[in-house]
Protein backbone atom coordinates (compact mmCIF):
# COMPACT_ATOMS: atom_id res chain seq x y z
CA MET A 1 4.67 11.43 -5.17
CA LYS A 2 4.81 7.86 -5.97
CA PRO A 3 6.90 5.59 -3.94
CA LEU A 4 10.20 4.80 -5.06
CA HIS A 5 9.83 1.20 -5.95
CA ARG A 6 6.80 2.05 -8.20
CA ALA A 7 8.99 4.43 -9.97
CA VAL A 8 11.72 2.06 -10.58
CA ASP A 9 9.42 -0.55 -11.98
CA ALA A 10 7.86 2.06 -14.37
CA ILE A 11 11.33 2.90 -15.65
CA LYS A 12 11.95 -0.85 -16.22
CA GLU A 13 8.60 -1.27 -18.00
CA GLN A 14 9.42 2.00 -20.25
CA ASP A 15 12.88 0.59 -20.94
CA ALA A 16 11.36 -2.82 -22.03
CA ARG A 17 8.79 -1.04 -24.16
CA MET A 18 11.40 1.02 -25.87
CA GLU A 19 13.18 -2.01 -27.33
CA ARG A 20 12.79 -1.95 -31.05
CA PRO A 21 11.22 -5.02 -32.43
CA PRO A 22 12.20 -6.13 -36.07
CA LEU A 23 10.67 -4.02 -38.56
CA TYR A 24 8.49 -6.68 -40.11
CA GLY A 25 8.10 -8.81 -36.98
CA THR A 26 4.93 -10.34 -35.26
CA ARG A 27 4.50 -7.20 -33.25
CA MET A 28 4.31 -5.04 -36.24
CA TRP A 29 1.48 -7.23 -37.78
CA HIS A 30 -0.28 -7.35 -34.50
CA GLN A 31 -0.53 -3.54 -34.60
CA VAL A 32 -1.67 -3.62 -38.06
CA GLY A 33 -4.49 -6.02 -37.17
CA GLN A 34 -5.28 -3.79 -34.21
CA LEU A 35 -5.30 -0.44 -36.55
CA LEU A 36 -7.70 -2.29 -39.00
CA LEU A 37 -10.06 -3.20 -36.04
CA ASN A 38 -10.22 0.40 -35.34
CA LEU A 39 -13.05 0.92 -37.93
CA PRO A 40 -15.57 -1.86 -37.01
CA LEU A 41 -14.98 -0.82 -33.19
CA GLY A 42 -15.05 2.73 -34.05
CA ILE A 43 -18.82 2.27 -35.80
CA PHE A 44 -19.99 0.32 -32.99
CA GLY A 45 -18.69 2.88 -30.31
CA PHE A 46 -19.78 5.86 -31.99
CA VAL A 47 -23.33 4.42 -32.65
CA LEU A 48 -23.69 3.27 -29.04
CA ALA A 49 -22.24 6.52 -27.45
CA MET A 50 -24.29 8.80 -29.61
CA THR A 51 -27.58 6.89 -29.26
CA ALA A 52 -27.01 6.93 -25.31
CA LEU A 53 -26.23 10.54 -25.15
CA SER A 54 -28.89 11.78 -27.59
CA VAL A 55 -31.61 9.62 -26.25
CA GLY A 56 -30.62 10.12 -22.61
CA LEU A 57 -30.19 13.91 -22.97
CA GLY A 58 -33.41 14.24 -24.99
CA LEU A 59 -35.53 12.31 -22.31
CA SER A 60 -33.72 13.95 -19.60
CA VAL A 61 -36.94 15.96 -18.75
CA THR A 62 -38.57 12.80 -18.00
CA VAL A 63 -38.10 10.00 -15.40
CA LEU A 64 -36.29 7.68 -17.66
CA GLY A 65 -33.77 10.07 -19.35
CA LEU A 66 -31.14 10.24 -16.81
CA PRO A 67 -31.14 6.54 -15.96
CA MET A 68 -30.68 5.72 -19.66
CA LEU A 69 -27.98 8.22 -20.01
CA ALA A 70 -26.14 6.62 -16.93
CA GLY A 71 -26.68 3.24 -18.43
CA GLY A 72 -25.16 4.30 -21.75
CA LEU A 73 -22.25 5.88 -19.95
CA ALA A 74 -21.67 2.47 -18.15
CA VAL A 75 -21.51 0.64 -21.62
CA SER A 76 -19.12 3.05 -22.90
CA ARG A 77 -16.96 2.61 -20.01
CA SER A 78 -17.08 -1.13 -20.52
CA LEU A 79 -15.91 -0.59 -24.14
CA GLY A 80 -13.09 1.23 -22.53
CA THR A 81 -11.99 -1.76 -20.89
CA LEU A 82 -11.59 -3.28 -24.56
CA GLY A 83 -9.44 -0.33 -25.48
CA ARG A 84 -7.23 -0.69 -22.59
CA ARG A 85 -6.61 -4.22 -23.16
CA ARG A 86 -5.77 -3.74 -26.70
CA ALA A 87 -3.32 -0.88 -25.83
CA ARG A 88 -1.80 -3.26 -23.37
CA ALA A 89 -1.46 -6.12 -25.94
CA ALA A 90 -0.48 -4.32 -28.99
CA TYR A 91 1.38 -1.17 -27.77
CA GLY A 92 2.77 -2.12 -24.34
CA SER A 93 0.92 0.51 -22.41
CA ALA A 94 1.12 0.24 -18.86
CA ILE A 95 -2.68 1.14 -18.01
CA ASP A 96 -4.16 -0.01 -14.90
CA GLU A 97 -7.95 -1.01 -14.84
CA PRO A 98 -9.95 1.51 -12.83
CA GLU A 99 -12.04 0.86 -9.95
CA PRO A 100 -15.61 0.09 -10.62
CA VAL A 101 -18.04 3.13 -9.89
CA LYS A 102 -19.40 2.73 -6.19
CA PRO A 103 -22.82 4.27 -5.77
CA ARG A 104 -22.91 6.13 -2.55
CA ARG A 105 -26.63 5.24 -1.91
CA PRO A 106 -28.66 2.22 -3.06
CA GLY A 107 -31.17 2.08 -5.61
CA VAL A 108 -31.58 3.65 -9.11
CA VAL A 109 -31.01 7.34 -7.94
CA GLY A 110 -27.66 6.33 -6.38
CA TYR A 111 -26.54 4.44 -9.48
CA THR A 112 -27.50 7.13 -11.85
CA ILE A 113 -25.70 9.75 -9.81
CA ALA A 114 -22.57 7.71 -9.56
CA GLN A 115 -22.37 7.19 -13.17
CA LEU A 116 -23.24 10.65 -14.33
CA THR A 117 -20.46 12.07 -11.99
CA ASP A 118 -17.74 9.66 -12.83
CA LEU A 119 -15.29 11.55 -15.24
CA LEU A 120 -13.86 8.49 -16.75
CA ASN A 121 -17.36 7.43 -17.96
CA TRP A 122 -17.71 10.85 -19.96
CA ARG A 123 -14.10 10.39 -21.31
CA SER A 124 -14.89 6.86 -22.47
CA ALA A 125 -17.88 8.18 -24.20
CA LEU A 126 -15.65 11.03 -25.85
CA TYR A 127 -13.31 8.30 -26.74
CA ASN A 128 -16.03 6.28 -28.66
CA VAL A 129 -17.17 9.27 -30.36
CA LEU A 130 -13.82 10.11 -31.77
CA MET A 131 -13.08 6.40 -32.50
CA LEU A 132 -15.20 6.80 -35.65
CA PRO A 133 -13.23 9.26 -37.54
CA TRP A 134 -10.06 8.08 -36.20
CA GLY A 135 -11.09 4.51 -37.31
CA VAL A 136 -11.87 5.45 -40.78
CA LEU A 137 -8.53 7.32 -41.09
CA SER A 138 -6.51 4.60 -39.52
CA PHE A 139 -7.85 1.75 -41.49
CA ALA A 140 -7.53 3.56 -44.62
CA LEU A 141 -4.04 4.55 -44.03
CA THR A 142 -3.02 0.95 -42.65
CA LEU A 143 -4.84 -0.66 -45.73
CA VAL A 144 -2.97 1.55 -48.29
CA SER A 145 0.34 1.07 -46.68
CA VAL A 146 -0.14 -2.74 -46.52
CA ILE A 147 -1.08 -2.82 -50.35
CA VAL A 148 0.80 0.25 -51.84
CA LEU A 149 3.43 1.64 -49.42
CA TRP A 150 5.12 -1.66 -48.36
CA PRO A 151 8.78 -0.27 -47.98
CA VAL A 152 7.84 2.24 -45.51
CA LEU A 153 5.08 0.25 -43.85
CA PRO A 154 6.81 -0.23 -40.61
CA TRP A 155 7.37 3.40 -39.92
CA VAL A 156 3.68 4.09 -40.96
CA ILE A 157 2.30 1.49 -38.68
CA ARG A 158 4.71 2.92 -35.92
CA GLY A 159 3.45 6.43 -36.34
CA LEU A 160 -0.34 5.20 -36.42
CA ALA A 161 0.05 2.95 -33.48
CA SER A 162 1.61 5.90 -31.31
CA VAL A 163 -1.36 8.16 -32.21
CA ASP A 164 -3.75 5.19 -31.21
CA ARG A 165 -1.72 4.68 -28.02
CA ILE A 166 -1.77 8.33 -27.22
CA LEU A 167 -5.50 8.50 -27.76
CA ILE A 168 -6.32 5.44 -25.33
CA GLU A 169 -3.84 6.65 -22.78
CA SER A 170 -5.01 10.19 -22.61
CA LEU A 171 -8.74 9.24 -22.43
CA LEU A 172 -9.17 5.90 -20.93
CA PHE A 173 -6.47 6.17 -18.21
CA PRO A 174 -8.03 6.29 -14.74
CA GLY A 175 -6.38 9.56 -14.02
CA ALA A 176 -4.03 10.57 -11.22
CA LEU A 177 -6.93 11.89 -9.04
CA ALA A 178 -8.69 8.48 -9.17
CA GLU A 179 -5.55 6.38 -8.69
CA ARG A 180 -4.71 8.76 -5.80
CA VAL A 181 -8.27 8.27 -4.13
CA ARG A 182 -7.88 4.63 -4.66
CA GLU A 183 -4.54 4.43 -2.94
CA LEU A 184 -5.98 6.63 -0.09
CA GLU A 185 -8.98 4.04 0.33
CA ASP A 186 -6.66 1.12 0.42
CA ASP A 187 -4.42 3.12 2.92
CA ARG A 188 -7.50 3.80 4.89
CA GLY A 189 -8.31 0.20 5.07
CA THR A 190 -5.02 -0.86 6.17
CA VAL A 191 -4.85 1.73 9.02
CA VAL A 192 -8.20 0.57 10.15
CA ASP A 193 -7.37 -3.06 10.08
CA THR A 194 -3.96 -2.29 11.90
CA ALA A 195 -5.54 -0.28 14.64
CA ALA A 196 -8.10 -3.07 15.24
CA ALA A 197 -5.49 -5.61 15.34
CA ASP A 198 -3.52 -3.59 17.89
CA LEU A 199 -6.60 -3.02 20.01
CA ARG A 200 -7.29 -6.88 20.12
CA ARG A 201 -3.57 -7.36 20.91
CA ILE A 202 -3.73 -4.97 23.84
CA GLU A 203 -7.29 -6.30 25.04
CA ARG A 204 -5.64 -9.90 24.83
CA ASP A 205 -2.48 -8.93 26.70
CA LEU A 206 -4.51 -7.08 29.45
CA HIS A 207 -6.94 -10.06 29.84
CA ASP A 208 -4.42 -12.90 29.61
CA GLY A 209 -1.64 -11.28 31.47
CA ALA A 210 -1.81 -8.27 33.74
CA GLN A 211 -5.48 -8.70 34.63
CA ALA A 212 -5.15 -12.40 35.48
CA ARG A 213 -2.28 -11.68 37.85
CA LEU A 214 -4.07 -8.87 39.51
CA VAL A 215 -7.09 -11.16 40.03
CA ALA A 216 -4.77 -13.67 41.68
CA LEU A 217 -3.14 -10.93 43.81
CA ALA A 218 -6.74 -9.85 45.00
CA MET A 219 -7.36 -13.65 45.98
CA ASP A 220 -4.11 -14.16 47.69
CA LEU A 221 -4.58 -10.63 49.68
CA GLY A 222 -8.07 -11.86 50.58
CA MET A 223 -6.85 -15.13 51.77
CA ALA A 224 -3.87 -13.56 53.82
CA LYS A 225 -6.39 -10.93 55.27
CA GLU A 226 -8.73 -13.81 56.57
CA ARG A 227 -5.78 -15.65 57.77
CA LEU A 228 -4.42 -12.74 59.71
CA ARG A 229 -7.73 -12.34 61.56
CA GLU A 230 -7.73 -15.92 62.65
CA VAL A 231 -3.99 -16.07 63.89
CA GLU A 232 -3.63 -18.38 66.74
CA SER A 233 -0.21 -19.76 66.29
CA GLU A 234 3.19 -18.96 64.67
CA ASP A 235 2.29 -21.51 61.94
CA ASP A 236 -0.68 -19.24 61.03
CA MET A 237 1.58 -16.21 60.82
CA ALA A 238 3.95 -17.95 58.75
CA ALA A 239 1.25 -19.19 56.30
CA ALA A 240 -0.25 -15.46 56.16
CA ALA A 241 3.26 -14.19 55.63
CA LYS A 242 3.87 -16.60 52.73
CA MET A 243 0.64 -15.37 50.99
CA VAL A 244 1.77 -11.87 51.24
CA ASP A 245 5.00 -12.69 49.78
CA ASN A 246 3.31 -14.56 46.92
CA ALA A 247 0.96 -11.49 46.48
CA HIS A 248 4.08 -9.18 46.29
CA GLY A 249 5.59 -11.38 43.57
CA GLU A 250 2.48 -11.30 41.46
CA VAL A 251 2.41 -7.44 41.89
CA LYS A 252 6.13 -7.19 40.45
CA LEU A 253 5.13 -9.61 37.60
CA ALA A 254 1.81 -7.57 36.84
CA LEU A 255 3.91 -4.23 36.95
CA GLN A 256 6.43 -5.89 34.67
CA GLU A 257 3.84 -6.86 32.10
CA LEU A 258 2.19 -3.64 32.39
CA ARG A 259 5.58 -1.81 31.57
CA ASP A 260 6.05 -4.23 28.46
CA LEU A 261 2.56 -3.51 27.23
CA ALA A 262 2.99 0.20 27.58
CA ARG A 263 6.39 0.08 25.75
CA GLY A 264 4.48 -1.93 23.02
CA ILE A 265 1.98 0.92 22.65
CA HIS A 266 4.47 3.74 22.63
CA PRO A 267 7.61 3.90 24.68
CA ALA A 268 8.33 6.46 27.02
CA VAL A 269 12.01 6.71 25.97
CA LEU A 270 10.83 7.38 22.24
CA THR A 271 8.79 10.39 23.44
CA ASP A 272 11.34 11.84 25.86
CA ARG A 273 14.72 10.92 23.89
CA GLY A 274 13.96 10.35 20.44
CA LEU A 275 14.80 7.58 18.01
CA ASP A 276 18.57 7.28 19.06
CA ALA A 277 17.71 6.11 22.72
CA ALA A 278 14.88 4.09 21.87
CA LEU A 279 16.41 2.01 19.08
CA SER A 280 19.48 1.61 21.30
CA SER A 281 17.20 0.19 23.97
CA VAL A 282 15.53 -2.22 21.33
CA ALA A 283 19.03 -3.30 20.03
CA ALA A 284 20.14 -3.98 23.69
CA ARG A 285 17.10 -6.34 24.11
CA CYS A 286 17.85 -8.40 20.92
CA THR A 287 19.22 -11.80 21.42
CA VAL A 288 21.66 -11.84 18.30
CA PRO A 289 24.93 -13.22 19.57
CA GLY A 290 26.95 -10.57 18.19
CA GLY A 291 24.95 -7.75 19.05
CA VAL A 292 23.28 -5.04 17.17
CA ARG A 293 25.08 -1.92 16.01
CA VAL A 294 22.90 1.17 15.92
CA SER A 295 23.79 4.44 14.01
CA VAL A 296 21.30 7.44 14.07
CA ASP A 297 21.94 10.78 12.15
CA LEU A 298 19.03 12.96 12.17
CA SER A 299 20.98 16.15 11.45
CA GLY A 300 19.15 18.84 9.43
CA PRO A 301 20.42 20.96 6.76
CA ASP A 302 22.04 23.41 9.45
CA GLY A 303 23.82 20.42 11.17
CA GLN A 304 21.59 20.46 14.17
CA PRO A 305 19.67 17.48 15.25
CA GLU A 306 15.92 17.44 14.44
CA ARG A 307 13.07 14.98 15.11
CA PRO A 308 10.67 13.88 12.55
CA ASP A 309 6.84 13.88 13.03
CA SER A 310 6.05 11.73 16.05
CA ALA A 311 3.76 9.35 13.76
CA VAL A 312 6.89 8.71 11.66
CA GLU A 313 9.08 8.27 14.70
CA GLY A 314 6.60 5.67 16.00
CA ILE A 315 6.39 3.81 12.62
CA ALA A 316 10.37 3.62 12.33
CA TYR A 317 10.63 2.43 15.99
CA PHE A 318 7.94 -0.49 15.59
CA THR A 319 9.46 -1.20 12.05
CA VAL A 320 12.78 -1.79 13.51
CA SER A 321 11.68 -3.47 16.60
CA GLU A 322 9.94 -6.21 14.67
CA LEU A 323 12.48 -6.61 12.34
CA LEU A 324 14.99 -7.16 14.75
CA THR A 325 12.49 -9.56 16.50
CA ASN A 326 12.40 -11.54 13.16
CA VAL A 327 16.22 -11.31 13.09
CA SER A 328 16.37 -12.98 16.61
CA LYS A 329 13.77 -15.79 15.97
CA HIS A 330 14.21 -16.70 12.24
CA ALA A 331 17.38 -15.14 10.77
CA GLY A 332 20.13 -17.43 12.40
CA ALA A 333 22.32 -14.35 12.26
CA ARG A 334 25.52 -13.69 14.30
CA SER A 335 25.02 -9.86 14.13
CA ALA A 336 23.06 -7.02 12.77
CA THR A 337 23.19 -3.33 12.11
CA VAL A 338 20.52 -0.70 12.21
CA GLU A 339 21.16 2.72 10.48
CA VAL A 340 18.77 5.71 10.52
CA TRP A 341 19.52 8.92 8.61
CA ARG A 342 17.82 11.79 7.20
CA SER A 343 17.83 12.42 3.25
CA ASP A 344 16.15 15.77 2.51
CA ASN A 345 12.56 15.29 3.56
CA GLN A 346 13.01 11.82 3.88
CA LEU A 347 13.60 9.39 6.80
CA MET A 348 15.78 6.41 5.77
CA VAL A 349 15.95 3.18 7.62
CA LEU A 350 18.39 0.31 6.91
CA VAL A 351 18.26 -2.92 8.71
CA GLN A 352 20.74 -5.64 7.94
CA ASP A 353 21.81 -9.13 9.24
CA ASP A 354 24.29 -11.84 8.25
CA GLY A 355 21.65 -14.60 8.65
CA LYS A 356 20.49 -17.26 6.21
CA GLY A 357 18.30 -15.09 4.05
CA GLY A 358 15.25 -16.00 2.17
CA ALA A 359 13.03 -13.37 3.74
CA ALA A 360 10.18 -11.85 1.71
CA PRO A 361 6.94 -10.04 2.23
CA TYR A 362 4.70 -12.92 1.61
CA PRO A 363 0.82 -12.19 1.88
CA GLY A 364 -0.10 -12.51 5.48
CA SER A 365 3.36 -12.57 6.82
CA GLY A 366 4.85 -9.90 9.28
CA LEU A 367 6.91 -8.20 6.52
CA ALA A 368 3.69 -8.00 4.47
CA GLY A 369 2.11 -6.04 7.37
CA LEU A 370 5.14 -3.74 7.92
CA ALA A 371 4.85 -3.02 4.20
CA GLU A 372 1.32 -1.98 4.32
CA ARG A 373 1.92 0.19 7.39
CA ILE A 374 4.64 2.08 5.79
CA ARG A 375 2.63 2.27 2.35
CA ALA A 376 -0.15 3.80 4.40
CA VAL A 377 2.05 6.90 4.76
CA ASP A 378 3.35 7.08 1.39
CA GLY A 379 6.52 5.26 2.43
CA VAL A 380 8.67 2.63 0.77
CA PHE A 381 9.51 -0.81 2.06
CA LEU A 382 12.07 -2.87 0.20
CA VAL A 383 13.49 -6.19 0.95
CA ASP A 384 16.63 -7.66 -0.46
CA SER A 385 17.14 -11.22 1.11
CA PRO A 386 18.93 -13.84 -1.38
CA ASP A 387 19.34 -17.34 -0.06
CA GLY A 388 22.30 -17.59 2.07
CA GLY A 389 22.12 -13.98 3.03
CA PRO A 390 22.65 -11.28 3.84
CA THR A 391 19.36 -9.64 4.45
CA THR A 392 18.76 -5.93 3.84
CA VAL A 393 15.61 -4.07 4.53
CA THR A 394 15.34 -0.54 3.44
CA VAL A 395 12.63 1.79 4.53
CA GLU A 396 11.84 5.27 3.31
CA LEU A 397 9.36 7.52 5.27
CA PRO A 398 8.28 11.05 4.75
CA TRP A 399 9.74 13.43 7.44
CA ARG A 400 6.59 14.95 7.94
CA THR A 401 3.08 13.08 7.20
CA ARG A 402 0.46 15.18 5.33
CA THR A 403 -1.49 15.80 8.40
CA ALA A 404 1.53 17.34 10.26
CA ARG A 405 2.26 19.55 6.95
CA ARG A 406 -1.26 20.78 7.09
């Protein structure tokens, strides 16, 4: 299922495309030009595709046959790029460019296998073959309509343009499976980068915090030990006692830093008591003057409280934690609210503050990082923050991740 904001964008684009232009406006003449262009492009694409297919298949028993066929398919795919651009410009199609073919192994063999096993390459070749008969038909009907059927020209062009658009979108569209693979690859990269960043943060915190304090503690205890061995007066005893006292203070600070670090990895209260208690703990530490109001309702269809997948709980917890940290540092807010509830198979999170607004998930910002993490589990991250406030962040997460459902 596509994320909610993508669906909303698609509906808006579809509504914009459904707006009817003037019958004899610029858009219609643009479509006339594209339909007349079908014939020369169809002849060129047909000759290219048939030559590549016939020569490549005919020589497939030799060493050169399959690489030549792969090259012809690659050129057919390149011509498909022109078809998608024409569809976007003339017909308002929302067709994304597919990812380039990526060979799994280097060399000619890897290139050939990648090109021959890519379905879009074959569909692009089929499109180029079909473009010849369709180009002849659309060229003839368009030309006759412009010269003879002038009163009904807009409706004829609209019908031909619809067929042309369907042909392009059905054969040159990357396909749902390819898009899903691309999304998963992007999500995998995001998860790997996030995990690496978390490991670096943990290593830095351990090295600069608890580890440094434990080193200082060892040194203080060593000095106190030596001093106690050489006690000759009450002053020596007092100095040793002071060293032990300093070491005791370092122990307490190191323990506190270790607790904070453990809470940053995965808080025990989240595992033991769930989101309600964990988010209440985060809200209690928030420095917003008016405090943070927390409301959590995770009741299932039978009215009994349930818990989402542990990974989803962790993402929701750290998302709210970082959002409240941003509210404390940057928003200038007097109060904030956190609402968490279950909607069918979705976990909904809403964080709102009455600050100055102007927040946005700019590339490289903390909000952009949160959005990437949430999209990695097919979630939705929406920010509504006009200048002057208030700021509302809405998060939609699956109740169960795909791994948990399997």
